[in-house]
Amino acid sequence: MASSVWCLYISPCLKKKGGGGLLHFPLNSNTKRVQRLQMQLQNQELMKEDDGHATSTRRRQFILQAPLIALSFPQLIMSTAIAVAEIDVPQDFRVYTDEVNKFKIFIPQDWQVGAGEPNNFKSITAFYPEEEANSNVSVAITGLGPDFTRMESFGKVDAFADTLVSGLDRSWQRPPGVAAKLIDCKASNGFYYIEYTLQNPGESRRHLFSAIGMASNGWYNRLYTVTGQFVEEEAEKYGSRIEKAVSSFRFI
């Protein structure tokens, strides 16, 4: 079900002055950036809830949607990256630290930062190139119920990845829908790492890298879904940087 979505537009004049002037326009605004984000949002509404499934299954399906809804936040606000001198930061990267949600991640030096307004147990932060692109990295945080205490609560990584990707695949429909393919998956240091592709008929294939982990804020556990994505045409420009960003995610 579609919802009202707003995106960020920064006035070039304000940017030149170093100001943080933000102008917000609805998705039907006549800007290429907004139109591109709108297309991404339409392509990402892929998962449907099956009324015949048990409650625990529906909860898992909702959580598995996090990688694909990373850009569907109601409003973007600018945030400031905090450098950490002790960390060996790769060349052309900087450290973004979220002291509230207790995580840090390497992002390309010239990338922008946007954060959705927290909504109950959910929050989203996105990182994206200043120029127009179909590539980005996002961190989606979702509250979990008491029956989820560690990543293994979702099953082993192979089963988890298969559930995620097969739940997105609609290539079997007539006419065929989005084709999802699992490339690789592994568990390491408490995270599940999953690589897969999505391709809508007649469109470019999209590569996605996800790091999924769990941490407590002192009151309840939260699921952190870090997802980087790029289309094949932008692989040479953004592919390695996005993989490096996703792999760098750590709790603090």
Protein backbone atom coordinates (compact mmCIF):
# COMPACT_ATOMS: atom_id res chain seq x y z
CA MET A 1 0.00 0.00 0.00
CA ALA A 2 1.51 3.28 -1.06
CA SER A 3 2.08 6.01 1.51
CA SER A 4 2.92 9.68 1.36
CA VAL A 5 6.67 10.01 1.02
CA TRP A 6 8.79 13.15 1.13
CA CYS A 7 12.34 13.59 -0.04
CA LEU A 8 15.14 16.04 0.54
CA TYR A 9 16.11 18.87 -1.74
CA ILE A 10 19.02 21.17 -0.82
CA SER A 11 19.09 24.58 -2.39
CA PRO A 12 22.34 25.01 -4.38
CA CYS A 13 22.66 28.57 -3.08
CA LEU A 14 22.44 27.42 0.50
CA LYS A 15 24.95 24.65 -0.15
CA LYS A 16 27.47 27.14 -1.52
CA LYS A 17 27.13 29.22 1.62
CA GLY A 18 27.67 26.14 3.79
CA GLY A 19 24.20 26.41 5.25
CA GLY A 20 21.82 23.56 6.01
CA GLY A 21 18.79 24.92 4.24
CA LEU A 22 16.31 22.14 3.54
CA LEU A 23 13.38 22.34 1.19
CA HIS A 24 10.90 19.46 1.08
CA PHE A 25 8.87 18.53 -1.97
CA PRO A 26 6.46 15.61 -2.55
CA LEU A 27 7.62 12.76 -4.76
CA ASN A 28 5.75 14.11 -7.77
CA SER A 29 8.06 17.17 -7.74
CA ASN A 30 9.66 17.91 -11.09
CA THR A 31 13.22 16.99 -10.12
CA LYS A 32 15.23 14.12 -11.52
CA ARG A 33 16.50 13.16 -8.09
CA VAL A 34 13.02 12.81 -6.66
CA GLN A 35 11.73 10.92 -9.69
CA ARG A 36 14.61 8.47 -9.41
CA LEU A 37 13.92 7.87 -5.74
CA GLN A 38 10.24 7.40 -6.53
CA MET A 39 11.09 4.66 -9.05
CA GLN A 40 13.28 2.95 -6.46
CA LEU A 41 10.48 3.01 -3.94
CA GLN A 42 8.02 1.51 -6.42
CA ASN A 43 10.48 -1.26 -7.27
CA GLN A 44 11.10 -1.99 -3.62
CA GLU A 45 7.48 -2.67 -2.59
CA LEU A 46 7.88 -6.38 -3.27
CA MET A 47 6.98 -8.30 -0.14
CA LYS A 48 3.37 -9.16 0.65
CA GLU A 49 2.02 -10.59 3.88
CA ASP A 50 0.38 -14.00 3.62
CA ASP A 51 -2.72 -14.09 5.87
CA GLY A 52 -2.41 -17.83 6.21
CA HIS A 53 0.95 -17.69 7.99
CA ALA A 54 1.39 -17.82 11.74
CA THR A 55 2.10 -14.65 13.73
CA SER A 56 5.77 -15.49 14.18
CA THR A 57 6.17 -15.96 10.43
CA ARG A 58 4.53 -12.62 9.71
CA ARG A 59 6.87 -10.94 12.16
CA ARG A 60 9.87 -12.45 10.43
CA GLN A 61 8.55 -11.37 7.04
CA PHE A 62 8.12 -7.82 8.28
CA ILE A 63 11.67 -7.73 9.59
CA LEU A 64 13.03 -9.17 6.35
CA GLN A 65 11.54 -6.22 4.48
CA ALA A 66 13.99 -3.83 6.14
CA PRO A 67 16.64 -3.98 3.36
CA LEU A 68 14.12 -2.89 0.74
CA ILE A 69 12.35 -0.12 2.62
CA ALA A 70 15.54 1.64 3.54
CA LEU A 71 14.67 4.68 1.42
CA SER A 72 10.96 4.93 2.25
CA PHE A 73 11.25 7.28 5.20
CA PRO A 74 8.92 10.28 5.51
CA GLN A 75 11.54 12.99 5.82
CA LEU A 76 15.30 13.36 5.48
CA ILE A 77 17.38 15.54 7.71
CA MET A 78 21.06 16.32 7.46
CA SER A 79 23.39 14.85 10.06
CA THR A 80 27.07 15.29 10.86
CA ALA A 81 29.68 12.54 10.67
CA ILE A 82 32.01 12.26 13.66
CA ALA A 83 35.63 11.32 12.90
CA VAL A 84 37.34 8.78 15.15
CA ALA A 85 41.09 9.22 15.04
CA GLU A 86 41.92 5.80 16.45
CA ILE A 87 40.29 3.95 13.54
CA ASP A 88 42.24 3.14 10.41
CA VAL A 89 39.84 4.73 7.97
CA PRO A 90 40.29 3.74 4.30
CA GLN A 91 41.38 6.44 1.90
CA ASP A 92 38.51 8.66 0.67
CA PHE A 93 36.26 7.43 3.50
CA ARG A 94 35.12 8.99 6.75
CA VAL A 95 33.57 7.59 9.90
CA TYR A 96 29.91 8.19 10.63
CA THR A 97 29.06 7.60 14.29
CA ASP A 98 25.53 7.44 15.69
CA GLU A 99 25.85 7.94 19.44
CA VAL A 100 22.12 7.46 20.01
CA ASN A 101 21.77 4.15 18.18
CA LYS A 102 25.30 3.05 19.08
CA PHE A 103 26.84 2.21 15.73
CA LYS A 104 29.57 3.44 13.40
CA ILE A 105 30.20 2.89 9.72
CA PHE A 106 32.69 4.00 7.06
CA ILE A 107 31.11 6.02 4.26
CA PRO A 108 32.68 7.65 1.19
CA GLN A 109 34.05 11.09 2.03
CA ASP A 110 31.73 13.02 -0.30
CA TRP A 111 28.49 11.14 0.41
CA GLN A 112 25.43 12.80 1.93
CA VAL A 113 23.61 11.65 5.06
CA GLY A 114 19.88 11.55 5.64
CA ALA A 115 17.91 10.25 8.62
CA GLY A 116 14.24 9.42 8.93
CA GLU A 117 12.36 10.63 11.98
CA PRO A 118 12.20 7.75 14.52
CA ASN A 119 8.83 5.99 14.48
CA ASN A 120 8.14 3.90 17.58
CA PHE A 121 10.55 0.97 17.26
CA LYS A 122 11.93 1.93 13.83
CA SER A 123 14.58 4.33 12.57
CA ILE A 124 16.45 4.68 9.29
CA THR A 125 19.64 6.43 8.23
CA ALA A 126 20.71 6.60 4.57
CA PHE A 127 24.01 7.46 2.88
CA TYR A 128 24.09 8.38 -0.81
CA PRO A 129 26.24 10.14 -3.45
CA GLU A 130 25.76 13.86 -3.95
CA GLU A 131 25.30 13.32 -7.68
CA GLU A 132 22.31 11.49 -9.10
CA ALA A 133 22.74 7.75 -8.70
CA ASN A 134 20.87 4.52 -8.05
CA SER A 135 23.37 3.53 -5.36
CA ASN A 136 23.16 3.99 -1.60
CA VAL A 137 23.76 2.47 1.81
CA SER A 138 21.16 2.43 4.57
CA VAL A 139 20.90 1.38 8.20
CA ALA A 140 17.40 0.32 9.30
CA ILE A 141 16.76 -0.40 12.99
CA THR A 142 13.69 -2.35 14.08
CA GLY A 143 12.55 -3.30 17.57
CA LEU A 144 12.23 -7.02 18.29
CA GLY A 145 9.96 -9.09 20.51
CA PRO A 146 11.27 -10.94 23.58
CA ASP A 147 11.47 -14.24 21.67
CA PHE A 148 14.30 -12.85 19.51
CA THR A 149 17.46 -12.89 21.59
CA ARG A 150 20.17 -13.57 18.97
CA MET A 151 20.49 -13.93 15.20
CA GLU A 152 20.03 -17.69 15.46
CA SER A 153 16.45 -16.95 16.62
CA PHE A 154 15.73 -16.43 12.92
CA GLY A 155 17.38 -19.73 12.00
CA LYS A 156 20.82 -20.49 10.62
CA VAL A 157 22.25 -18.06 8.10
CA ASP A 158 21.59 -20.32 5.09
CA ALA A 159 17.91 -20.73 5.97
CA PHE A 160 17.59 -17.03 6.83
CA ALA A 161 19.11 -15.94 3.50
CA ASP A 162 16.99 -18.40 1.53
CA THR A 163 13.83 -17.15 3.25
CA LEU A 164 14.72 -13.56 2.54
CA VAL A 165 15.52 -14.01 -1.15
CA SER A 166 12.82 -16.54 -1.98
CA GLY A 167 10.30 -14.25 -0.30
CA LEU A 168 11.29 -11.47 -2.69
CA ASP A 169 11.28 -13.56 -5.86
CA ARG A 170 8.27 -13.14 -8.14
CA SER A 171 9.82 -14.51 -11.33
CA TRP A 172 7.43 -17.47 -11.19
CA GLN A 173 4.38 -15.26 -11.63
CA ARG A 174 2.61 -14.79 -14.97
CA PRO A 175 3.56 -12.29 -16.18
CA PRO A 176 6.89 -12.63 -14.38
CA GLY A 177 7.67 -10.18 -11.58
CA VAL A 178 10.95 -9.32 -9.91
CA ALA A 179 13.64 -12.01 -10.09
CA ALA A 180 15.64 -12.48 -6.88
CA LYS A 181 18.81 -14.56 -6.71
CA LEU A 182 20.95 -15.43 -3.70
CA ILE A 183 24.67 -15.00 -4.44
CA ASP A 184 26.34 -15.71 -1.09
CA CYS A 185 25.76 -15.71 2.65
CA LYS A 186 27.81 -16.23 5.80
CA ALA A 187 27.74 -15.67 9.55
CA SER A 188 30.61 -13.81 11.19
CA ASN A 189 31.08 -12.02 14.54
CA GLY A 190 27.38 -12.10 15.34
CA PHE A 191 26.29 -10.76 11.94
CA TYR A 192 24.60 -12.42 8.99
CA TYR A 193 26.09 -11.23 5.68
CA ILE A 194 23.95 -11.75 2.59
CA GLU A 195 24.63 -10.90 -1.05
CA TYR A 196 21.81 -11.13 -3.60
CA THR A 197 20.40 -9.52 -6.73
CA LEU A 198 17.00 -8.18 -7.75
CA GLN A 199 15.84 -7.46 -11.26
CA ASN A 200 12.49 -6.22 -12.46
CA PRO A 201 11.56 -7.26 -16.02
CA GLY A 202 13.12 -4.88 -18.52
CA GLU A 203 15.22 -3.09 -15.89
CA SER A 204 18.83 -3.22 -14.75
CA ARG A 205 19.89 -5.82 -12.24
CA ARG A 206 20.38 -4.43 -8.73
CA HIS A 207 23.08 -5.85 -6.44
CA LEU A 208 22.49 -5.80 -2.70
CA PHE A 209 24.84 -6.47 0.20
CA SER A 210 23.37 -6.75 3.68
CA ALA A 211 24.90 -7.05 7.15
CA ILE A 212 22.27 -7.96 9.73
CA GLY A 213 22.94 -7.97 13.46
CA MET A 214 21.24 -7.60 16.81
CA ALA A 215 21.95 -5.42 19.85
CA SER A 216 20.10 -4.23 22.94
CA ASN A 217 19.50 -0.61 23.91
CA GLY A 218 19.09 -1.61 27.56
CA TRP A 219 15.35 -2.18 27.32
CA TYR A 220 14.79 -4.43 24.33
CA ASN A 221 16.69 -6.03 21.45
CA ARG A 222 16.85 -4.31 18.09
CA LEU A 223 17.62 -5.64 14.63
CA TYR A 224 20.11 -3.61 12.57
CA THR A 225 19.86 -4.16 8.81
CA VAL A 226 22.68 -2.49 6.87
CA THR A 227 22.06 -2.64 3.13
CA GLY A 228 24.15 -1.34 0.26
CA GLN A 229 22.81 -1.45 -3.28
CA PHE A 230 23.89 -0.46 -6.78
CA VAL A 231 22.78 -1.18 -10.34
CA GLU A 232 25.10 -2.95 -12.79
CA GLU A 233 25.82 0.24 -14.73
CA GLU A 234 27.23 1.81 -11.56
CA ALA A 235 29.15 -1.23 -10.35
CA GLU A 236 32.59 0.06 -11.35
CA LYS A 237 32.00 3.44 -9.73
CA TYR A 238 30.25 2.42 -6.53
CA GLY A 239 30.42 -1.35 -6.10
CA SER A 240 33.61 -1.71 -4.07
CA ARG A 241 32.87 1.37 -1.98
CA ILE A 242 29.43 0.09 -1.05
CA GLU A 243 30.78 -3.35 -0.11
CA LYS A 244 33.46 -1.72 2.03
CA ALA A 245 30.90 0.49 3.78
CA VAL A 246 28.56 -2.39 4.62
CA SER A 247 31.43 -4.57 5.85
CA SER A 248 32.71 -1.78 8.12
CA PHE A 249 29.53 -1.54 10.21
CA ARG A 250 30.17 -2.04 13.94
CA PHE A 251 28.34 -1.54 17.22
CA ILE A 252 29.85 0.87 19.75
